[in-house]
Amino acid sequence: MKLPASVKVGALDYAIAEFAGRDAASRNLYGEVLHPSQRIHVDTSHGPARSALALLHEFLHAAINVHDIDVDDEKEETIVRQLTASIGAAMRDSPEVFRFLVDSLTQREEA
C-alpha cells in the first residue's frame, strides 16, 4: 500500500516519504520525524501494519512538537509508544469507530 503524500498536523503540513530501508535498518528505526523540514519518513520494508504504526507514531511526535507540549524526550517517547499501541489496536479491532469519526468530521453541515 502506498503511503499518503502528507498529513496535516495542527496548522502545518508534514510531507510523508518512504525511509530508505538500509538507512532505517542501520539506525534501527521504523520511522522518523524531522520537525524543521516538516517531514515524516517511514520504513515500508516491514509490511503495511508496521508502516501504519510507524506513521501513527511519528504523527504523534509531530503533534506534540507542533502544539508545543512541554515534555522531556524520554517521557515523550514513552507516551508516544503507549498511545501508538492503544490507538493502533483500536483502529485494527474497532474500525467502525474510526470510520464514524472520519465520516462525522468530514461531513458538511447542512444550512
N, C-alpha and C. Protein backbone atom coordinates (compact mmCIF):
# COMPACT_ATOMS: atom_id res chain seq x y z
N MET A 1 0.85 -1.18 0.00
CA MET A 1 0.00 0.00 0.00
C MET A 1 0.89 1.24 0.00
N LYS A 2 0.51 2.21 -0.78
CA LYS A 2 1.29 3.43 -0.91
C LYS A 2 1.02 4.38 0.25
N LEU A 3 2.09 5.00 0.74
CA LEU A 3 1.96 6.00 1.80
C LEU A 3 1.23 7.23 1.27
N PRO A 4 0.46 7.92 2.13
CA PRO A 4 -0.10 9.20 1.72
C PRO A 4 1.03 10.21 1.52
N ALA A 5 0.78 11.25 0.76
CA ALA A 5 1.82 12.23 0.44
C ALA A 5 2.10 13.18 1.59
N SER A 6 1.08 13.46 2.41
CA SER A 6 1.27 14.41 3.50
C SER A 6 0.18 14.22 4.56
N VAL A 7 0.39 14.88 5.69
CA VAL A 7 -0.59 14.87 6.77
C VAL A 7 -0.59 16.25 7.41
N LYS A 8 -1.77 16.71 7.76
CA LYS A 8 -1.93 17.99 8.44
C LYS A 8 -1.72 17.75 9.93
N VAL A 9 -0.82 18.52 10.52
CA VAL A 9 -0.57 18.46 11.96
C VAL A 9 -0.76 19.87 12.48
N GLY A 10 -1.88 20.12 13.13
CA GLY A 10 -2.21 21.47 13.52
C GLY A 10 -2.35 22.32 12.27
N ALA A 11 -1.64 23.42 12.20
CA ALA A 11 -1.70 24.30 11.03
C ALA A 11 -0.63 23.97 9.99
N LEU A 12 0.17 22.94 10.24
CA LEU A 12 1.29 22.63 9.35
C LEU A 12 1.04 21.36 8.54
N ASP A 13 1.58 21.34 7.34
CA ASP A 13 1.56 20.14 6.51
C ASP A 13 2.91 19.45 6.62
N TYR A 14 2.91 18.20 7.00
CA TYR A 14 4.12 17.39 7.04
C TYR A 14 4.11 16.47 5.83
N ALA A 15 5.17 16.52 5.03
CA ALA A 15 5.32 15.61 3.90
C ALA A 15 5.64 14.22 4.45
N ILE A 16 5.15 13.20 3.78
CA ILE A 16 5.42 11.82 4.18
C ILE A 16 6.19 11.15 3.05
N ALA A 17 7.30 10.52 3.39
CA ALA A 17 8.12 9.85 2.38
C ALA A 17 8.61 8.52 2.91
N GLU A 18 8.93 7.63 1.98
CA GLU A 18 9.47 6.34 2.34
C GLU A 18 10.89 6.51 2.86
N PHE A 19 11.20 5.83 3.92
CA PHE A 19 12.52 5.84 4.55
C PHE A 19 13.33 4.73 3.90
N ALA A 20 14.45 5.05 3.35
CA ALA A 20 15.28 4.03 2.69
C ALA A 20 15.58 2.92 3.69
N GLY A 21 15.20 1.69 3.34
CA GLY A 21 15.32 0.54 4.23
C GLY A 21 16.69 0.35 4.82
N ARG A 22 17.72 0.49 4.02
CA ARG A 22 19.08 0.28 4.52
C ARG A 22 19.43 1.35 5.54
N ASP A 23 19.07 2.60 5.26
CA ASP A 23 19.35 3.69 6.19
C ASP A 23 18.56 3.49 7.48
N ALA A 24 17.30 3.11 7.36
CA ALA A 24 16.46 2.87 8.54
C ALA A 24 17.02 1.72 9.36
N ALA A 25 17.39 0.63 8.70
CA ALA A 25 17.92 -0.54 9.41
C ALA A 25 19.23 -0.22 10.11
N SER A 26 20.11 0.53 9.46
CA SER A 26 21.40 0.84 10.07
C SER A 26 21.23 1.73 11.30
N ARG A 27 20.15 2.46 11.36
CA ARG A 27 19.87 3.34 12.51
C ARG A 27 18.83 2.72 13.45
N ASN A 28 18.40 1.50 13.14
CA ASN A 28 17.44 0.77 13.96
C ASN A 28 16.14 1.56 14.17
N LEU A 29 15.60 2.10 13.06
CA LEU A 29 14.39 2.92 13.10
C LEU A 29 13.32 2.37 12.17
N TYR A 30 12.05 2.52 12.57
CA TYR A 30 10.92 2.24 11.67
C TYR A 30 10.43 3.52 11.01
N GLY A 31 10.80 4.65 11.61
CA GLY A 31 10.40 5.94 11.08
C GLY A 31 11.10 7.05 11.81
N GLU A 32 10.93 8.25 11.29
CA GLU A 32 11.49 9.43 11.96
C GLU A 32 10.68 10.64 11.53
N VAL A 33 10.70 11.65 12.40
CA VAL A 33 10.06 12.93 12.06
C VAL A 33 11.14 14.00 12.12
N LEU A 34 11.16 14.83 11.09
CA LEU A 34 12.11 15.94 11.01
C LEU A 34 11.31 17.23 11.13
N HIS A 35 11.31 17.80 12.32
CA HIS A 35 10.45 18.96 12.58
C HIS A 35 10.83 20.19 11.76
N PRO A 36 12.12 20.55 11.65
CA PRO A 36 12.44 21.77 10.89
C PRO A 36 11.97 21.74 9.43
N SER A 37 12.07 20.57 8.80
CA SER A 37 11.66 20.46 7.39
C SER A 37 10.24 19.92 7.24
N GLN A 38 9.56 19.66 8.36
CA GLN A 38 8.18 19.15 8.36
C GLN A 38 8.05 17.92 7.48
N ARG A 39 8.86 16.90 7.78
CA ARG A 39 8.85 15.65 7.03
C ARG A 39 8.75 14.47 7.98
N ILE A 40 8.01 13.46 7.54
CA ILE A 40 7.94 12.18 8.24
C ILE A 40 8.45 11.13 7.28
N HIS A 41 9.39 10.31 7.75
CA HIS A 41 9.91 9.20 6.95
C HIS A 41 9.45 7.89 7.59
N VAL A 42 9.00 6.95 6.76
CA VAL A 42 8.51 5.66 7.23
C VAL A 42 9.22 4.55 6.48
N ASP A 43 9.75 3.58 7.22
CA ASP A 43 10.36 2.39 6.61
C ASP A 43 9.22 1.44 6.25
N THR A 44 8.99 1.25 4.96
CA THR A 44 7.87 0.41 4.49
C THR A 44 8.31 -1.04 4.23
N SER A 45 9.54 -1.37 4.55
CA SER A 45 10.04 -2.71 4.23
C SER A 45 9.53 -3.79 5.18
N HIS A 46 8.83 -3.41 6.24
CA HIS A 46 8.33 -4.38 7.22
C HIS A 46 6.84 -4.68 7.06
N GLY A 47 6.25 -4.23 5.97
CA GLY A 47 4.85 -4.52 5.70
C GLY A 47 3.92 -3.40 6.10
N PRO A 48 2.65 -3.51 5.68
CA PRO A 48 1.69 -2.42 5.89
C PRO A 48 1.34 -2.15 7.35
N ALA A 49 1.22 -3.18 8.17
CA ALA A 49 0.85 -2.94 9.57
C ALA A 49 1.94 -2.17 10.30
N ARG A 50 3.18 -2.59 10.13
CA ARG A 50 4.30 -1.89 10.79
C ARG A 50 4.44 -0.47 10.23
N SER A 51 4.23 -0.30 8.93
CA SER A 51 4.30 1.03 8.32
C SER A 51 3.24 1.95 8.90
N ALA A 52 2.02 1.41 9.07
CA ALA A 52 0.93 2.22 9.63
C ALA A 52 1.25 2.64 11.07
N LEU A 53 1.76 1.71 11.86
CA LEU A 53 2.12 2.04 13.24
C LEU A 53 3.26 3.06 13.29
N ALA A 54 4.23 2.92 12.40
CA ALA A 54 5.34 3.88 12.36
C ALA A 54 4.82 5.27 12.00
N LEU A 55 3.92 5.35 11.02
CA LEU A 55 3.36 6.64 10.63
C LEU A 55 2.57 7.26 11.78
N LEU A 56 1.75 6.46 12.44
CA LEU A 56 0.99 6.96 13.60
C LEU A 56 1.95 7.45 14.68
N HIS A 57 2.98 6.68 14.97
CA HIS A 57 3.97 7.02 15.98
C HIS A 57 4.62 8.37 15.66
N GLU A 58 5.06 8.54 14.43
CA GLU A 58 5.73 9.79 14.05
C GLU A 58 4.75 10.96 14.00
N PHE A 59 3.50 10.70 13.61
CA PHE A 59 2.47 11.74 13.65
C PHE A 59 2.29 12.25 15.08
N LEU A 60 2.26 11.36 16.04
CA LEU A 60 2.08 11.77 17.43
C LEU A 60 3.27 12.63 17.91
N HIS A 61 4.48 12.26 17.51
CA HIS A 61 5.64 13.11 17.83
C HIS A 61 5.46 14.50 17.20
N ALA A 62 5.02 14.53 15.96
CA ALA A 62 4.82 15.82 15.27
C ALA A 62 3.76 16.65 16.00
N ALA A 63 2.68 16.02 16.43
CA ALA A 63 1.62 16.75 17.14
C ALA A 63 2.13 17.34 18.46
N ILE A 64 2.93 16.58 19.17
CA ILE A 64 3.50 17.09 20.43
C ILE A 64 4.36 18.31 20.14
N ASN A 65 5.15 18.26 19.06
CA ASN A 65 6.02 19.37 18.70
C ASN A 65 5.22 20.58 18.23
N VAL A 66 4.30 20.36 17.32
CA VAL A 66 3.52 21.47 16.75
C VAL A 66 2.71 22.19 17.82
N HIS A 67 2.17 21.44 18.75
CA HIS A 67 1.33 22.04 19.78
C HIS A 67 2.13 22.44 21.03
N ASP A 68 3.45 22.36 20.90
CA ASP A 68 4.37 22.82 21.94
C ASP A 68 4.04 22.23 23.31
N ILE A 69 3.79 20.92 23.32
CA ILE A 69 3.53 20.23 24.58
C ILE A 69 4.87 20.02 25.29
N ASP A 70 4.96 20.52 26.49
CA ASP A 70 6.22 20.52 27.23
C ASP A 70 6.42 19.19 27.94
N VAL A 71 7.23 18.33 27.34
CA VAL A 71 7.54 17.03 27.93
C VAL A 71 8.97 16.67 27.55
N ASP A 72 9.71 16.07 28.48
CA ASP A 72 11.10 15.72 28.15
C ASP A 72 11.11 14.56 27.15
N ASP A 73 12.23 14.37 26.47
CA ASP A 73 12.33 13.41 25.37
C ASP A 73 12.00 11.98 25.80
N GLU A 74 12.49 11.56 26.95
CA GLU A 74 12.24 10.19 27.41
C GLU A 74 10.75 9.97 27.70
N LYS A 75 10.13 10.92 28.37
CA LYS A 75 8.70 10.82 28.68
C LYS A 75 7.88 10.88 27.39
N GLU A 76 8.28 11.75 26.45
CA GLU A 76 7.58 11.83 25.17
C GLU A 76 7.58 10.48 24.46
N GLU A 77 8.73 9.84 24.42
CA GLU A 77 8.81 8.54 23.73
C GLU A 77 7.92 7.50 24.40
N THR A 78 7.87 7.51 25.72
CA THR A 78 7.00 6.58 26.45
C THR A 78 5.54 6.85 26.12
N ILE A 79 5.14 8.11 26.16
CA ILE A 79 3.75 8.48 25.85
C ILE A 79 3.40 8.08 24.41
N VAL A 80 4.27 8.41 23.47
CA VAL A 80 4.00 8.13 22.06
C VAL A 80 3.92 6.62 21.83
N ARG A 81 4.80 5.84 22.42
CA ARG A 81 4.75 4.38 22.25
C ARG A 81 3.45 3.81 22.79
N GLN A 82 3.04 4.27 23.97
CA GLN A 82 1.81 3.75 24.58
C GLN A 82 0.57 4.16 23.78
N LEU A 83 0.53 5.41 23.34
CA LEU A 83 -0.62 5.85 22.53
C LEU A 83 -0.65 5.15 21.19
N THR A 84 0.51 4.94 20.57
CA THR A 84 0.55 4.24 19.29
C THR A 84 -0.01 2.83 19.43
N ALA A 85 0.40 2.12 20.47
CA ALA A 85 -0.10 0.76 20.69
C ALA A 85 -1.61 0.75 20.93
N SER A 86 -2.08 1.68 21.75
CA SER A 86 -3.50 1.73 22.09
C SER A 86 -4.37 2.14 20.90
N ILE A 87 -3.98 3.22 20.23
CA ILE A 87 -4.76 3.71 19.09
C ILE A 87 -4.66 2.72 17.92
N GLY A 88 -3.48 2.17 17.69
CA GLY A 88 -3.31 1.19 16.61
C GLY A 88 -4.19 -0.03 16.82
N ALA A 89 -4.24 -0.55 18.04
CA ALA A 89 -5.09 -1.71 18.34
C ALA A 89 -6.57 -1.36 18.17
N ALA A 90 -6.96 -0.17 18.62
CA ALA A 90 -8.35 0.24 18.48
C ALA A 90 -8.73 0.39 17.01
N MET A 91 -7.83 0.93 16.21
CA MET A 91 -8.10 1.08 14.77
C MET A 91 -8.25 -0.29 14.10
N ARG A 92 -7.40 -1.23 14.51
CA ARG A 92 -7.46 -2.58 13.94
C ARG A 92 -8.73 -3.32 14.40
N ASP A 93 -9.03 -3.23 15.69
CA ASP A 93 -10.10 -4.03 16.27
C ASP A 93 -11.48 -3.38 16.22
N SER A 94 -11.53 -2.07 16.07
CA SER A 94 -12.81 -1.34 16.03
C SER A 94 -12.82 -0.32 14.90
N PRO A 95 -12.60 -0.77 13.67
CA PRO A 95 -12.52 0.19 12.56
C PRO A 95 -13.79 1.01 12.37
N GLU A 96 -14.93 0.48 12.80
CA GLU A 96 -16.18 1.21 12.63
C GLU A 96 -16.17 2.51 13.44
N VAL A 97 -15.48 2.53 14.57
CA VAL A 97 -15.37 3.74 15.37
C VAL A 97 -14.60 4.81 14.61
N PHE A 98 -13.52 4.41 13.96
CA PHE A 98 -12.70 5.38 13.23
C PHE A 98 -13.37 5.81 11.93
N ARG A 99 -14.13 4.91 11.30
CA ARG A 99 -14.92 5.31 10.13
C ARG A 99 -15.96 6.35 10.55
N PHE A 100 -16.62 6.12 11.69
CA PHE A 100 -17.59 7.08 12.21
C PHE A 100 -16.93 8.44 12.46
N LEU A 101 -15.78 8.43 13.10
CA LEU A 101 -15.07 9.68 13.38
C LEU A 101 -14.72 10.42 12.10
N VAL A 102 -14.14 9.71 11.14
CA VAL A 102 -13.76 10.35 9.87
C VAL A 102 -14.99 10.86 9.15
N ASP A 103 -16.00 10.02 9.03
CA ASP A 103 -17.22 10.43 8.33
C ASP A 103 -17.87 11.64 9.01
N SER A 104 -17.92 11.63 10.33
CA SER A 104 -18.56 12.72 11.07
C SER A 104 -17.76 14.02 10.97
N LEU A 105 -16.46 13.92 11.01
CA LEU A 105 -15.62 15.11 10.98
C LEU A 105 -15.45 15.70 9.58
N THR A 106 -15.72 14.92 8.56
CA THR A 106 -15.57 15.41 7.18
C THR A 106 -16.91 15.73 6.53
N GLN A 107 -18.00 15.44 7.23
CA GLN A 107 -19.33 15.71 6.69
C GLN A 107 -19.63 17.20 6.77
N ARG A 108 -20.15 17.73 5.69
CA ARG A 108 -20.51 19.15 5.68
C ARG A 108 -21.82 19.34 6.43
N GLU A 109 -21.84 20.39 7.20
CA GLU A 109 -23.07 20.75 7.92
C GLU A 109 -24.06 21.34 6.94
N GLU A 110 -25.31 20.91 7.02
CA GLU A 110 -26.34 21.48 6.14
C GLU A 110 -26.88 22.76 6.75
N ALA A 111 -27.11 23.73 5.88
CA ALA A 111 -27.60 25.03 6.35
C ALA A 111 -29.07 24.98 6.72
